[in-house]
Structure formats: structure tokens, C-alpha cells
C-alpha atoms as a PDB file:
ATOM      1  CA  MET A   1     -10.128 -50.443 -31.385  1.00  0.00           C
ATOM      2  CA  ARG A   2      -8.798 -54.187 -30.895  1.00  0.00           C
ATOM      3  CA  SER A   3      -8.816 -53.811 -26.805  1.00  0.00           C
ATOM      4  CA  ARG A   4      -5.026 -53.479 -26.760  1.00  0.00           C
ATOM      5  CA  PHE A   5      -2.522 -51.248 -25.378  1.00  0.00           C
ATOM      6  CA  ARG A   6       0.283 -49.524 -27.308  1.00  0.00           C
ATOM      7  CA  ASN A   7       2.630 -52.536 -26.440  1.00  0.00           C
ATOM      8  CA  GLY A   8       0.187 -55.144 -27.734  1.00  0.00           C
ATOM      9  CA  ASP A   9      -1.096 -56.292 -24.143  1.00  0.00           C
ATOM     10  CA  HIS A  10      -4.569 -57.042 -24.305  1.00  0.00           C
ATOM     11  CA  LEU A  11      -7.085 -55.096 -22.146  1.00  0.00           C
ATOM     12  CA  ASN A  12      -7.904 -57.004 -18.855  1.00  0.00           C
ATOM     13  CA  ASP A  13     -10.712 -56.830 -16.520  1.00  0.00           C
ATOM     14  CA  ASP A  14      -8.266 -56.504 -13.308  1.00  0.00           C
ATOM     15  CA  TYR A  15     -11.374 -55.358 -11.059  1.00  0.00           C
ATOM     16  CA  THR A  16     -11.178 -56.930  -7.463  1.00  0.00           C
ATOM     17  CA  THR A  17     -12.434 -54.843  -4.907  1.00  0.00           C
ATOM     18  CA  PRO A  18     -14.103 -51.410  -4.441  1.00  0.00           C
ATOM     19  CA  GLY A  19     -11.716 -48.618  -4.235  1.00  0.00           C
ATOM     20  CA  THR A  20      -9.044 -50.890  -5.460  1.00  0.00           C
ATOM     21  CA  PRO A  21      -7.231 -48.857  -8.513  1.00  0.00           C
ATOM     22  CA  THR A  22      -7.504 -50.653 -11.821  1.00  0.00           C
ATOM     23  CA  SER A  23      -5.130 -50.355 -14.879  1.00  0.00           C
ATOM     24  CA  GLY A  24      -6.477 -52.936 -17.289  1.00  0.00           C
ATOM     25  CA  HIS A  25      -2.937 -54.281 -17.180  1.00  0.00           C
ATOM     26  CA  GLY A  26      -3.497 -56.769 -14.210  1.00  0.00           C
ATOM     27  CA  PRO A  27      -4.452 -60.289 -13.929  1.00  0.00           C
ATOM     28  CA  GLY A  28      -7.777 -61.077 -15.222  1.00  0.00           C
ATOM     29  CA  SER A  29      -9.982 -62.093 -18.319  1.00  0.00           C
ATOM     30  CA  PRO A  30      -9.454 -60.413 -21.358  1.00  0.00           C
ATOM     31  CA  VAL A  31     -12.106 -57.888 -22.196  1.00  0.00           C
ATOM     32  CA  PRO A  32     -13.392 -55.884 -25.285  1.00  0.00           C
ATOM     33  CA  PHE A  33     -13.519 -52.577 -23.446  1.00  0.00           C
ATOM     34  CA  ALA A  34     -13.179 -51.081 -19.830  1.00  0.00           C
ATOM     35  CA  PHE A  35     -15.395 -50.300 -17.074  1.00  0.00           C
ATOM     36  CA  PHE A  36     -18.738 -52.371 -18.604  1.00  0.00           C
ATOM     37  CA  GLY A  37     -20.165 -52.241 -15.066  1.00  0.00           C
ATOM     38  CA  HIS A  38     -23.095 -50.186 -13.752  1.00  0.00           C
ATOM     39  CA  PRO A  39     -21.841 -47.025 -12.296  1.00  0.00           C
ATOM     40  CA  ASN A  40     -24.331 -47.365  -9.211  1.00  0.00           C
ATOM     41  CA  ILE A  41     -23.066 -51.034  -8.511  1.00  0.00           C
ATOM     42  CA  ASN A  42     -19.866 -50.907  -6.415  1.00  0.00           C
ATOM     43  CA  THR A  43     -19.216 -54.682  -7.028  1.00  0.00           C
ATOM     44  CA  GLU A  44     -19.001 -54.147 -10.894  1.00  0.00           C
ATOM     45  CA  TRP A  45     -15.943 -52.492 -12.814  1.00  0.00           C
ATOM     46  CA  THR A  46     -16.895 -48.999 -13.113  1.00  0.00           C
ATOM     47  CA  GLU A  47     -14.768 -45.639 -12.703  1.00  0.00           C
ATOM     48  CA  CYS A  48     -16.735 -45.111  -9.469  1.00  0.00           C
ATOM     49  CA  SER A  49     -15.692 -48.416  -8.010  1.00  0.00           C
ATOM     50  CA  SER A  50     -12.017 -48.328  -9.076  1.00  0.00           C
ATOM     51  CA  GLY A  51     -11.792 -44.704  -7.463  1.00  0.00           C
ATOM     52  CA  ASN A  52     -10.682 -42.851 -10.797  1.00  0.00           C
ATOM     53  CA  THR A  53     -10.228 -39.292 -10.492  1.00  0.00           C
ATOM     54  CA  PRO A  54     -13.126 -37.474 -12.216  1.00  0.00           C
ATOM     55  CA  GLY A  55     -11.624 -35.535 -15.399  1.00  0.00           C
ATOM     56  CA  ASP A  56     -12.024 -35.151 -19.056  1.00  0.00           C
ATOM     57  CA  ARG A  57     -13.152 -38.319 -20.843  1.00  0.00           C
ATOM     58  CA  ARG A  58     -12.709 -38.909 -24.432  1.00  0.00           C
ATOM     59  CA  PHE A  59     -13.525 -41.997 -26.506  1.00  0.00           C
ATOM     60  CA  VAL A  60     -14.127 -43.522 -30.070  1.00  0.00           C
ATOM     61  CA  PHE A  61     -16.824 -45.303 -31.653  1.00  0.00           C
ATOM     62  CA  ALA A  62     -15.697 -48.761 -32.844  1.00  0.00           C
ATOM     63  CA  SER A  63     -17.723 -51.849 -34.564  1.00  0.00           C
ATOM     64  CA  ASN A  64     -17.174 -55.269 -35.229  1.00  0.00           C
ATOM     65  CA  ASP A  65     -14.814 -56.539 -38.036  1.00  0.00           C
ATOM     66  CA  PHE A  66     -16.172 -56.723 -41.232  1.00  0.00           C
ATOM     67  CA  THR A  67     -14.968 -57.131 -45.060  1.00  0.00           C
ATOM     68  CA  LEU A  68     -15.829 -54.369 -47.401  1.00  0.00           C
ATOM     69  CA  ALA A  69     -15.383 -55.044 -51.220  1.00  0.00           C
ATOM     70  CA  PRO A  70     -14.927 -52.141 -53.735  1.00  0.00           C
ATOM     71  CA  GLY A  71     -18.018 -50.588 -54.613  1.00  0.00           C
ATOM     72  CA  ASN A  72     -20.084 -52.011 -51.632  1.00  0.00           C
ATOM     73  CA  SER A  73     -21.420 -50.417 -48.601  1.00  0.00           C
ATOM     74  CA  ILE A  74     -22.503 -51.418 -45.101  1.00  0.00           C
ATOM     75  CA  GLN A  75     -24.461 -49.584 -42.487  1.00  0.00           C
ATOM     76  CA  VAL A  76     -22.840 -49.189 -38.987  1.00  0.00           C
ATOM     77  CA  THR A  77     -25.382 -47.420 -36.400  1.00  0.00           C
ATOM     78  CA  SER A  78     -23.903 -46.046 -33.091  1.00  0.00           C
ATOM     79  CA  ILE A  79     -26.025 -44.424 -30.376  1.00  0.00           C
ATOM     80  CA  LEU A  80     -24.707 -41.750 -27.945  1.00  0.00           C
ATOM     81  CA  ILE A  81     -26.686 -41.463 -24.840  1.00  0.00           C
ATOM     82  CA  VAL A  82     -26.371 -38.055 -23.115  1.00  0.00           C
ATOM     83  CA  THR A  83     -28.510 -36.128 -20.291  1.00  0.00           C
ATOM     84  CA  PRO A  84     -27.956 -32.955 -18.432  1.00  0.00           C
ATOM     85  CA  PRO A  85     -25.760 -33.227 -15.624  1.00  0.00           C
ATOM     86  CA  SER A  86     -27.237 -33.767 -12.130  1.00  0.00           C
ATOM     87  CA  ALA A  87     -25.459 -32.609  -8.801  1.00  0.00           C
ATOM     88  CA  SER A  88     -26.022 -36.006  -7.523  1.00  0.00           C
ATOM     89  CA  ASN A  89     -24.548 -37.949 -10.263  1.00  0.00           C
ATOM     90  CA  ALA A  90     -20.855 -38.261  -8.528  1.00  0.00           C
ATOM     91  CA  CYS A  91     -18.755 -41.224  -7.375  1.00  0.00           C
ATOM     92  CA  GLY A  92     -19.692 -41.516  -3.165  1.00  0.00           C
ATOM     93  CA  ASP A  93     -22.601 -39.172  -3.194  1.00  0.00           C
ATOM     94  CA  PRO A  94     -25.548 -40.722  -1.228  1.00  0.00           C
ATOM     95  CA  GLY A  95     -27.908 -39.767  -3.919  1.00  0.00           C
ATOM     96  CA  LEU A  96     -26.031 -41.288  -6.636  1.00  0.00           C
ATOM     97  CA  SER A  97     -28.436 -42.157  -9.596  1.00  0.00           C
ATOM     98  CA  PHE A  98     -28.485 -43.235 -12.970  1.00  0.00           C
ATOM     99  CA  ASN A  99     -32.230 -43.489 -13.813  1.00  0.00           C
ATOM    100  CA  ALA A 100     -32.194 -40.648 -16.079  1.00  0.00           C
ATOM    101  CA  ILE A 101     -29.844 -42.096 -18.399  1.00  0.00           C
ATOM    102  CA  ASP A 102     -31.000 -45.403 -17.763  1.00  0.00           C
ATOM    103  CA  SER A 103     -34.511 -44.292 -18.851  1.00  0.00           C
ATOM    104  CA  LEU A 104     -33.206 -42.425 -21.797  1.00  0.00           C
ATOM    105  CA  SER A 105     -30.952 -45.372 -23.084  1.00  0.00           C
ATOM    106  CA  ASP A 106     -34.053 -47.674 -22.787  1.00  0.00           C
ATOM    107  CA  ILE A 107     -36.385 -45.236 -25.306  1.00  0.00           C
ATOM    108  CA  ALA A 108     -33.402 -44.833 -27.678  1.00  0.00           C
ATOM    109  CA  VAL A 109     -33.070 -48.452 -28.061  1.00  0.00           C
ATOM    110  CA  ALA A 110     -36.967 -49.053 -28.399  1.00  0.00           C
ATOM    111  CA  THR A 111     -37.345 -46.255 -30.880  1.00  0.00           C
ATOM    112  CA  TYR A 112     -34.449 -47.854 -32.975  1.00  0.00           C
ATOM    113  CA  GLN A 113     -35.839 -51.128 -32.918  1.00  0.00           C
ATOM    114  CA  SER A 114     -39.562 -50.015 -33.607  1.00  0.00           C
ATOM    115  CA  HIS A 115     -38.194 -48.526 -37.179  1.00  0.00           C
ATOM    116  CA  ASP A 116     -37.627 -50.136 -40.539  1.00  0.00           C
ATOM    117  CA  LEU A 117     -33.890 -50.513 -40.811  1.00  0.00           C
ATOM    118  CA  PRO A 118     -32.341 -49.223 -43.951  1.00  0.00           C
ATOM    119  CA  PRO A 119     -32.330 -51.998 -46.655  1.00  0.00           C
ATOM    120  CA  GLU A 120     -29.335 -54.112 -46.784  1.00  0.00           C
ATOM    121  CA  VAL A 121     -27.067 -53.729 -49.905  1.00  0.00           C
ATOM    122  CA  THR A 122     -26.403 -56.984 -51.473  1.00  0.00           C
ATOM    123  CA  PRO A 123     -22.984 -57.338 -52.400  1.00  0.00           C
ATOM    124  CA  VAL A 124     -22.244 -57.036 -56.088  1.00  0.00           C
ATOM    125  CA  ALA A 125     -19.237 -56.755 -58.050  1.00  0.00           C
ATOM    126  CA  PRO A 126     -18.004 -52.946 -58.858  1.00  0.00           C
ATOM    127  CA  LEU A 127     -19.304 -51.331 -61.835  1.00  0.00           C
ATOM    128  CA  ALA A 128     -17.589 -52.936 -64.909  1.00  0.00           C
ATOM    129  CA  GLY A 129     -17.404 -51.959 -68.360  1.00  0.00           C
ATOM    130  CA  GLY A 130     -17.989 -47.959 -67.589  1.00  0.00           C
ATOM    131  CA  THR A 131     -18.089 -45.185 -65.001  1.00  0.00           C
ATOM    132  CA  VAL A 132     -20.643 -42.633 -63.909  1.00  0.00           C
ATOM    133  CA  ARG A 133     -20.284 -38.873 -63.788  1.00  0.00           C
ATOM    134  CA  VAL A 134     -22.459 -36.865 -61.678  1.00  0.00           C
ATOM    135  CA  TYR A 135     -23.060 -33.114 -62.216  1.00  0.00           C
ATOM    136  CA  PRO A 136     -23.440 -30.430 -60.998  1.00  0.00           C
ATOM    137  CA  ASN A 137     -22.208 -31.316 -57.592  1.00  0.00           C
ATOM    138  CA  PRO A 138     -23.694 -29.525 -55.176  1.00  0.00           C
ATOM    139  CA  ALA A 139     -26.833 -29.180 -56.950  1.00  0.00           C
ATOM    140  CA  ASN A 140     -29.975 -27.562 -56.015  1.00  0.00           C
ATOM    141  CA  ASP A 141     -32.984 -29.025 -57.714  1.00  0.00           C
ATOM    142  CA  ASN A 142     -31.745 -31.511 -60.508  1.00  0.00           C
ATOM    143  CA  LEU A 143     -28.714 -34.088 -60.829  1.00  0.00           C
ATOM    144  CA  SER A 144     -27.603 -35.349 -63.746  1.00  0.00           C
ATOM    145  CA  ILE A 145     -25.978 -39.093 -63.646  1.00  0.00           C
ATOM    146  CA  GLU A 146     -24.161 -39.833 -66.790  1.00  0.00           C
ATOM    147  CA  TYR A 147     -23.071 -43.683 -67.629  1.00  0.00           C
ATOM    148  CA  ILE A 148     -19.856 -43.402 -69.647  1.00  0.00           C
ATOM    149  CA  GLY A 149     -19.355 -46.851 -71.229  1.00  0.00           C
ATOM    150  CA  SER A 150     -20.557 -49.371 -73.740  1.00  0.00           C
ATOM    151  CA  SER A 151     -23.691 -51.012 -71.883  1.00  0.00           C
ATOM    152  CA  THR A 152     -27.390 -49.672 -73.105  1.00  0.00           C
ATOM    153  CA  SER A 153     -29.204 -51.635 -70.155  1.00  0.00           C
ATOM    154  CA  GLN A 154     -31.368 -49.285 -68.043  1.00  0.00           C
ATOM    155  CA  PRO A 155     -29.489 -48.566 -64.561  1.00  0.00           C
ATOM    156  CA  GLY A 156     -31.304 -48.913 -60.941  1.00  0.00           C
ATOM    157  CA  ILE A 157     -30.900 -45.462 -59.205  1.00  0.00           C
ATOM    158  CA  ILE A 158     -31.394 -45.399 -55.255  1.00  0.00           C
ATOM    159  CA  VAL A 159     -30.479 -42.520 -53.203  1.00  0.00           C
ATOM    160  CA  TYR A 160     -29.655 -42.933 -49.381  1.00  0.00           C
ATOM    161  CA  ASN A 161     -28.937 -40.179 -46.832  1.00  0.00           C
ATOM    162  CA  THR A 162     -26.043 -40.504 -44.427  1.00  0.00           C
ATOM    163  CA  ILE A 163     -27.867 -42.834 -41.973  1.00  0.00           C
ATOM    164  CA  GLY A 164     -28.671 -45.268 -44.548  1.00  0.00           C
ATOM    165  CA  GLN A 165     -32.444 -44.485 -45.336  1.00  0.00           C
ATOM    166  CA  GLN A 166     -33.562 -44.338 -48.907  1.00  0.00           C
ATOM    167  CA  MET A 167     -34.953 -41.319 -49.959  1.00  0.00           C
ATOM    168  CA  PRO A 168     -37.655 -40.662 -52.467  1.00  0.00           C
ATOM    169  CA  THR A 169     -36.670 -39.370 -55.575  1.00  0.00           C
ATOM    170  CA  SER A 170     -37.963 -39.492 -59.295  1.00  0.00           C
ATOM    171  CA  VAL A 171     -35.893 -40.332 -62.198  1.00  0.00           C
ATOM    172  CA  ALA A 172     -36.127 -39.502 -66.088  1.00  0.00           C
ATOM    173  CA  ILE A 173     -33.883 -41.534 -68.116  1.00  0.00           C
ATOM    174  CA  ASN A 174     -32.672 -40.328 -71.599  1.00  0.00           C
ATOM    175  CA  GLY A 175     -30.153 -42.604 -73.259  1.00  0.00           C
ATOM    176  CA  LYS A 176     -27.157 -43.007 -71.272  1.00  0.00           C
ATOM    177  CA  THR A 177     -28.209 -39.847 -69.002  1.00  0.00           C
ATOM    178  CA  ALA A 178     -30.468 -40.091 -65.998  1.00  0.00           C
ATOM    179  CA  LEU A 179     -31.937 -36.789 -64.492  1.00  0.00           C
ATOM    180  CA  LEU A 180     -32.707 -36.835 -60.715  1.00  0.00           C
ATOM    181  CA  ASN A 181     -35.048 -34.606 -59.262  1.00  0.00           C
ATOM    182  CA  ILE A 182     -33.719 -33.750 -55.779  1.00  0.00           C
ATOM    183  CA  SER A 183     -35.831 -30.472 -55.234  1.00  0.00           C
ATOM    184  CA  GLU A 184     -37.640 -32.209 -52.211  1.00  0.00           C
ATOM    185  CA  LEU A 185     -34.713 -33.418 -50.410  1.00  0.00           C
ATOM    186  CA  PRO A 186     -33.327 -31.576 -47.438  1.00  0.00           C
ATOM    187  CA  VAL A 187     -30.082 -29.587 -47.548  1.00  0.00           C
ATOM    188  CA  GLY A 188     -27.213 -32.152 -46.755  1.00  0.00           C
ATOM    189  CA  ILE A 189     -24.916 -35.121 -48.116  1.00  0.00           C
ATOM    190  CA  TYR A 190     -26.493 -37.959 -50.061  1.00  0.00           C
ATOM    191  CA  ASN A 191     -25.034 -41.123 -51.680  1.00  0.00           C
ATOM    192  CA  ILE A 192     -26.133 -42.528 -54.820  1.00  0.00           C
ATOM    193  CA  LEU A 193     -26.260 -46.456 -55.392  1.00  0.00           C
ATOM    194  CA  TYR A 194     -25.951 -46.709 -59.101  1.00  0.00           C
ATOM    195  CA  ARG A 195     -26.569 -50.384 -60.296  1.00  0.00           C
ATOM    196  CA  LYS A 196     -25.909 -51.818 -63.704  1.00  0.00           C
ATOM    197  CA  ASP A 197     -25.640 -55.201 -65.569  1.00  0.00           C
ATOM    198  CA  GLY A 198     -24.996 -56.972 -61.969  1.00  0.00           C
ATOM    199  CA  SER A 199     -22.391 -54.274 -60.995  1.00  0.00           C
ATOM    200  CA  GLN A 200     -22.741 -51.066 -59.049  1.00  0.00           C
ATOM    201  CA  GLN A 201     -21.049 -47.736 -58.254  1.00  0.00           C
ATOM    202  CA  ALA A 202     -21.345 -45.402 -55.125  1.00  0.00           C
ATOM    203  CA  ILE A 203     -21.226 -41.639 -55.657  1.00  0.00           C
ATOM    204  CA  ARG A 204     -21.848 -39.108 -53.024  1.00  0.00           C
ATOM    205  CA  PHE A 205     -23.331 -35.789 -53.895  1.00  0.00           C
ATOM    206  CA  ILE A 206     -24.310 -32.427 -51.967  1.00  0.00           C
ATOM    207  CA  LYS A 207     -27.660 -30.862 -51.938  1.00  0.00           C
ATOM    208  CA  ASN A 208     -27.668 -27.284 -51.593  1.00  0.00           C
END
């Protein structure tokens, strides 16, 4: 996750010439990740230009460093681009082409950029002077959100799906209990951001 090997050495760009094996341990500039070149260009650092043997490839999603205070949230968006395999997509083949995945990647980025991003959650203090109980959970049509504390101010309640999109819901408040109508939500996992008196609490629930 920090571009370092188990012994603490930083990952280096040790690519020199096409066909010369690389390990990431050799001389070269420190880099955040390996094989960042285009597979169709043998003068850039790729598994093809390094002559790596084809095989199982596994990876992890990573993000930049960030600080997350208790009760706050942050949106992290990752995109995984895949296309059907092609017989010509192999290192050394004369017909080597990555046009399909290049095109799909461009479409995915353009689609993401053309949509409104989920609203940023302004950092505030964790819910103070009380707590929130949500029931039943899982729920089918209605969800009760009960505030347990001394404050009598009205809460702000927002529902987000797992990718950070705000979901339309109706809320009826009776005293310290809010009744959330979730009948129109698709089945899945959701997050409630419950705000009150300048502080907040995040609660996860499941819609059956």
C-alpha cells in the first residue's frame, strides 16, 4: 500500500531495455506502483517489456492518505476496467492490441466525470450528548430512528447508498423518534447520516 517491499525497500523503476527482467529492487527512481507503461509500447515499463511470464495476477485497490475523524465519512472511488480476452492480446504477438480496453477506459472516465459527484460530507464533531438506535434492522418498508439523549432540536437525516449517492426518502418525526420510509429503496445496504446540534452519527442498515 506504500510502495514498499517487506524488507522496507521502496519500489523502484528499474526498467532499462526491452526484454531485460525487472524486479523493482534495482537502481532507478522511486515510484508509487509498478508496470505503469502502456503494454503496447516496449520502451515503457510493462510486464511485456520486462519479459514476465504470463500467469495469475492479483492486486489490491489503494488510495491516497487521508485522516478520518470518528463519525465522519469520506468517498473513495475506484474503477476496474475489464474486457473480454482476445487471442491477439499476448506479449510478442504481431497483432497485439489494447484498443478495446483503451476505448472502454475512456468511456468509463467520461461517464464518471459527466455525472454529479456525491455531496461532500462537511466534517463535524461526533454526535454529542446522546446516541441513536435504528430498528428493525434489516427492515422492509419503514425504519425507526430513535434519539436517546437530552436534546430536543430537530435532526437532519440523509440516506446514502454504498457508492455515496444520496437516496430519496421521506421522514416523519414524532418527538425523539423519526420514521424513515424506505419502501422505494432497492434491496441492499445503506448508510444514514444523522446530524443534530452540530454533531453527527453514521449508522448502517439493510433494506430487505
